[in-house]
């Protein structure tokens, strides 16, 4: 059974790599055939050369962006799980904070980037704050929905056996909500990175967002494509890393269960 699953996953990886390769070949061929100027759409070969030529530059700026992203993600993960659990378990907290959180979720968070820069400065703190603010909601919503979807029969059975609320939470509720937590984390990690980059667009002296703005100002289209390629690659690594961790920890969950509640 395990070997069958491994072969299926290997097949998925090979299919994904093949799709990317075909897309790059078509892109290269179309640009070359129609002689599209590089300042409009550079061919993948030019993008690859730009990546190799500026590898050290990308390493420095990407490191800064990744640091802010990882900090924002883990802070948002802790806050989202804590607040989602409180609103699901404590009626007073749910009645008090749910309207506020719904209102904040509806706010244009990206539009707040300039104010966040004003409040927290041009350093890494402003990037982390905006990242936390944006990444918090996917985790919070998924945790809330996951705990609300718990099988009440199991809870009543544990209560009849004399289990304490804490035992019920750790034995029943937390394991059952883990697929939802991972679904929220998957979205939150990407949201955190996007928010950090937006904050770097608005005000920063380093980071991938800062680099893209500089490349755009210099009309360096190839450089912009190279930067976007780096970020797309990081996004894929984030996604598949979380998927691998989820499969390792939630081996008992089906794929549909592991999708969580969504947003």
Protein backbone atom coordinates (compact mmCIF):
# COMPACT_ATOMS: atom_id res chain seq x y z
CA UNK A 1 0.00 0.00 0.00
CA UNK A 2 2.77 2.44 0.94
CA UNK A 3 4.68 1.66 -2.25
CA UNK A 4 1.51 2.33 -4.26
CA UNK A 5 1.04 5.71 -2.58
CA UNK A 6 4.72 6.53 -3.16
CA UNK A 7 4.41 5.69 -6.86
CA UNK A 8 1.29 7.86 -7.14
CA UNK A 9 3.05 10.82 -5.51
CA UNK A 10 6.11 10.33 -7.68
CA UNK A 11 3.82 10.29 -10.70
CA UNK A 12 2.21 13.54 -9.54
CA UNK A 13 5.63 15.17 -9.14
CA UNK A 14 6.81 14.00 -12.56
CA UNK A 15 3.58 15.20 -14.16
CA UNK A 16 3.96 18.62 -12.52
CA UNK A 17 7.59 18.90 -13.66
CA UNK A 18 6.59 17.85 -17.15
CA UNK A 19 3.85 20.48 -17.26
CA UNK A 20 6.31 23.18 -16.19
CA UNK A 21 8.83 22.04 -18.81
CA UNK A 22 6.22 22.09 -21.59
CA UNK A 23 5.05 25.55 -20.51
CA UNK A 24 8.61 26.91 -20.56
CA UNK A 25 9.27 25.42 -23.99
CA UNK A 26 6.07 26.92 -25.39
CA UNK A 27 6.91 30.28 -23.81
CA UNK A 28 10.41 30.23 -25.30
CA UNK A 29 9.13 29.16 -28.71
CA UNK A 30 6.38 31.77 -28.89
CA UNK A 31 8.69 34.61 -27.84
CA UNK A 32 11.35 33.56 -30.37
CA UNK A 33 8.93 32.86 -33.21
CA UNK A 34 6.99 36.11 -32.92
CA UNK A 35 10.14 38.08 -32.01
CA UNK A 36 8.52 39.64 -28.96
CA UNK A 37 10.84 42.29 -27.49
CA UNK A 38 12.52 41.26 -24.25
CA UNK A 39 11.35 44.45 -22.53
CA UNK A 40 7.78 43.19 -22.98
CA UNK A 41 8.12 39.45 -22.40
CA UNK A 42 11.62 37.98 -21.98
CA UNK A 43 12.21 34.34 -22.96
CA UNK A 44 12.81 31.84 -20.14
CA UNK A 45 16.44 31.45 -21.23
CA UNK A 46 17.05 35.16 -20.52
CA UNK A 47 15.30 34.85 -17.17
CA UNK A 48 17.48 31.86 -16.26
CA UNK A 49 20.64 33.79 -17.16
CA UNK A 50 19.48 36.74 -15.04
CA UNK A 51 18.92 34.40 -12.11
CA UNK A 52 22.40 32.92 -12.38
CA UNK A 53 24.04 36.29 -12.96
CA UNK A 54 22.41 37.88 -9.90
CA UNK A 55 22.29 34.83 -7.63
CA UNK A 56 24.01 36.61 -4.73
CA UNK A 57 21.65 39.58 -5.00
CA UNK A 58 18.60 37.34 -4.89
CA UNK A 59 20.02 35.39 -1.97
CA UNK A 60 20.36 38.54 0.16
CA UNK A 61 16.94 40.01 -0.64
CA UNK A 62 15.14 36.67 -0.50
CA UNK A 63 16.67 35.92 2.90
CA UNK A 64 15.22 39.15 4.32
CA UNK A 65 11.77 38.45 2.88
CA UNK A 66 11.79 34.84 4.09
CA UNK A 67 12.79 35.87 7.62
CA UNK A 68 9.87 38.29 7.88
CA UNK A 69 7.52 35.74 6.29
CA UNK A 70 8.44 32.90 8.65
CA UNK A 71 8.15 35.10 11.75
CA UNK A 72 4.78 36.45 10.60
CA UNK A 73 3.52 32.97 9.76
CA UNK A 74 4.33 31.41 13.13
CA UNK A 75 2.97 34.37 15.09
CA UNK A 76 -0.24 34.27 13.01
CA UNK A 77 -0.44 30.50 13.47
CA UNK A 78 -0.24 30.74 17.26
CA UNK A 79 -2.67 33.66 17.48
CA UNK A 80 -5.09 32.10 14.98
CA UNK A 81 -5.20 28.75 16.79
CA UNK A 82 -5.58 30.44 20.18
CA UNK A 83 -8.33 32.83 19.07
CA UNK A 84 -10.11 30.20 17.00
CA UNK A 85 -10.16 27.86 19.98
CA UNK A 86 -11.40 30.53 22.37
CA UNK A 87 -14.23 31.66 20.08
CA UNK A 88 -15.30 28.06 19.50
CA UNK A 89 -15.11 27.01 23.16
CA UNK A 90 -16.13 30.13 25.11
CA UNK A 91 -19.47 31.62 24.19
CA UNK A 92 -18.69 35.01 25.77
CA UNK A 93 -15.47 35.35 23.74
CA UNK A 94 -17.33 34.40 20.56
CA UNK A 95 -20.08 36.97 21.16
CA UNK A 96 -17.57 39.68 22.10
CA UNK A 97 -14.86 39.28 19.49
CA UNK A 98 -16.51 37.68 16.45
CA UNK A 99 -18.10 40.94 15.19
CA UNK A 100 -14.77 42.74 15.61
CA UNK A 101 -12.82 40.02 13.81
CA UNK A 102 -15.36 39.86 10.99
CA UNK A 103 -15.08 43.62 10.54
CA UNK A 104 -11.28 43.45 10.51
CA UNK A 105 -11.38 40.59 8.02
CA UNK A 106 -13.48 42.73 5.68
CA UNK A 107 -11.01 45.61 5.87
CA UNK A 108 -8.67 46.08 2.87
CA UNK A 109 -5.60 44.77 4.66
CA UNK A 110 -3.22 45.44 1.79
CA UNK A 111 -4.41 49.05 1.68
CA UNK A 112 -3.25 49.39 5.28
CA UNK A 113 0.37 48.84 4.26
CA UNK A 114 1.26 52.56 4.08
CA UNK A 115 -0.14 53.16 7.57
CA UNK A 116 1.68 50.12 8.96
CA UNK A 117 4.93 51.54 7.55
CA UNK A 118 4.17 54.89 9.22
CA UNK A 119 3.39 53.24 12.56
CA UNK A 120 6.20 50.69 12.69
CA UNK A 121 8.90 52.15 10.44
CA UNK A 122 10.83 50.81 7.46
CA UNK A 123 12.40 47.88 9.30
CA UNK A 124 11.33 44.27 9.51
CA UNK A 125 8.72 44.95 12.21
CA UNK A 126 6.27 46.58 9.80
CA UNK A 127 6.58 43.64 7.38
CA UNK A 128 5.93 41.14 10.16
CA UNK A 129 2.94 43.10 11.49
CA UNK A 130 1.23 43.26 8.09
CA UNK A 131 2.05 39.60 7.48
CA UNK A 132 0.52 38.58 10.83
CA UNK A 133 -2.57 40.69 10.24
CA UNK A 134 -3.20 39.06 6.87
CA UNK A 135 -2.21 35.48 7.73
CA UNK A 136 -4.18 35.38 10.99
CA UNK A 137 -7.62 35.06 9.43
CA UNK A 138 -7.21 31.84 7.40
CA UNK A 139 -5.95 30.07 10.52
CA UNK A 140 -8.59 31.57 12.79
CA UNK A 141 -11.48 30.72 10.46
CA UNK A 142 -10.33 27.17 9.79
CA UNK A 143 -9.77 26.43 13.48
CA UNK A 144 -13.21 27.82 14.34
CA UNK A 145 -14.89 25.77 11.62
CA UNK A 146 -12.91 22.67 12.53
CA UNK A 147 -13.90 22.79 16.18
CA UNK A 148 -17.52 23.49 15.24
CA UNK A 149 -17.55 20.35 13.06
CA UNK A 150 -16.53 18.01 15.90
CA UNK A 151 -18.65 14.87 16.30
CA UNK A 152 -20.76 15.67 19.38
CA UNK A 153 -21.43 11.99 20.01
CA UNK A 154 -17.74 11.46 20.72
CA UNK A 155 -17.72 14.42 23.09
CA UNK A 156 -20.76 13.11 24.97
CA UNK A 157 -19.18 9.67 25.18
CA UNK A 158 -16.02 11.13 26.73
CA UNK A 159 -18.14 13.16 29.16
CA UNK A 160 -20.03 10.04 30.20
CA UNK A 161 -16.69 8.39 30.97
CA UNK A 162 -15.78 11.25 33.29
CA UNK A 163 -13.26 13.01 31.04
CA UNK A 164 -12.41 16.61 31.90
CA UNK A 165 -12.88 19.42 29.35
CA UNK A 166 -9.10 19.57 28.92
CA UNK A 167 -8.92 15.83 28.22
CA UNK A 168 -11.78 16.09 25.73
CA UNK A 169 -10.02 18.94 23.96
CA UNK A 170 -6.68 17.15 23.58
CA UNK A 171 -8.10 13.67 22.91
CA UNK A 172 -11.02 14.54 20.61
CA UNK A 173 -11.24 18.16 19.52
CA UNK A 174 -7.62 18.99 18.72
CA UNK A 175 -6.91 15.84 16.63
CA UNK A 176 -10.18 16.27 14.72
CA UNK A 177 -9.40 19.91 13.93
CA UNK A 178 -5.81 19.30 12.76
CA UNK A 179 -6.80 18.92 9.07
CA UNK A 180 -8.48 22.32 9.28
CA UNK A 181 -5.43 23.82 10.97
CA UNK A 182 -3.17 22.60 8.18
CA UNK A 183 -5.56 23.91 5.54
CA UNK A 184 -5.50 27.32 7.19
CA UNK A 185 -1.72 27.20 7.61
CA UNK A 186 -1.25 26.44 3.93
CA UNK A 187 -3.18 29.57 2.96
CA UNK A 188 -1.71 31.67 5.76
CA UNK A 189 1.88 31.00 4.73
CA UNK A 190 1.28 32.30 1.21
CA UNK A 191 -0.71 35.27 2.54
CA UNK A 192 2.12 36.12 4.92
CA UNK A 193 4.68 36.16 2.12
CA UNK A 194 2.47 38.26 -0.16
CA UNK A 195 1.83 40.78 2.61
CA UNK A 196 5.53 41.06 3.44
CA UNK A 197 6.28 41.72 -0.23
CA UNK A 198 3.56 44.39 -0.41
CA UNK A 199 5.01 46.07 2.67
CA UNK A 200 8.41 46.01 0.95
CA UNK A 201 6.81 47.63 -2.10
CA UNK A 202 5.58 50.50 0.04
CA UNK A 203 8.63 51.13 2.20
CA UNK A 204 11.84 49.15 2.54
CA UNK A 205 15.51 49.23 1.65
CA UNK A 206 15.79 45.48 1.04
CA UNK A 207 13.70 42.41 0.35
CA UNK A 208 12.15 40.96 -2.79
CA UNK A 209 9.45 43.62 -2.92
CA UNK A 210 12.08 46.35 -2.78
CA UNK A 211 14.09 44.59 -5.49
CA UNK A 212 11.08 44.26 -7.81
CA UNK A 213 10.26 47.97 -7.42
CA UNK A 214 13.85 48.90 -8.31
CA UNK A 215 13.82 46.58 -11.32
CA UNK A 216 10.52 48.05 -12.50
CA UNK A 217 11.82 51.61 -12.15
CA UNK A 218 14.82 50.63 -14.30
CA UNK A 219 12.53 48.94 -16.88
CA UNK A 220 14.37 45.70 -16.20
CA UNK A 221 11.58 43.37 -17.31
CA UNK A 222 13.86 40.34 -17.32
CA UNK A 223 14.86 41.07 -13.74
CA UNK A 224 11.22 41.40 -12.68
CA UNK A 225 10.39 38.05 -14.30
CA UNK A 226 13.39 36.51 -12.54
CA UNK A 227 12.23 37.86 -9.17
CA UNK A 228 8.69 36.62 -9.75
CA UNK A 229 10.11 33.22 -10.72
CA UNK A 230 12.05 33.07 -7.45
CA UNK A 231 8.94 33.91 -5.44
CA UNK A 232 6.83 31.39 -7.36
CA UNK A 233 9.43 28.74 -6.60
CA UNK A 234 9.40 29.65 -2.92
CA UNK A 235 5.61 29.42 -2.91
CA UNK A 236 5.78 25.92 -4.37
CA UNK A 237 8.37 24.88 -1.78
CA UNK A 238 6.17 26.25 1.02
CA UNK A 239 3.10 24.43 -0.30
CA UNK A 240 4.72 21.04 -0.81
CA UNK A 241 6.62 21.25 2.49
CA UNK A 242 3.39 21.77 4.40
CA UNK A 243 1.75 19.01 2.38
CA UNK A 244 4.57 16.62 3.29
CA UNK A 245 4.32 17.53 6.98
CA UNK A 246 0.54 17.10 6.85
CA UNK A 247 0.82 13.65 5.27
CA UNK A 248 3.36 12.63 7.88
CA UNK A 249 1.32 13.82 10.86
CA UNK A 250 -2.19 13.22 9.52
CA UNK A 251 -1.68 9.85 7.88
CA UNK A 252 -5.12 8.85 9.12
CA UNK A 253 -6.94 11.70 7.35
CA UNK A 254 -8.32 11.45 3.83
CA UNK A 255 -7.42 14.07 1.24
CA UNK A 256 -10.92 15.58 1.41
CA UNK A 257 -10.69 15.87 5.20
CA UNK A 258 -7.27 17.47 4.96
CA UNK A 259 -8.61 20.25 2.77
CA UNK A 260 -10.28 21.77 5.80
CA UNK A 261 -13.16 24.17 5.64
CA UNK A 262 -11.68 26.67 3.25
CA UNK A 263 -12.44 30.36 3.49
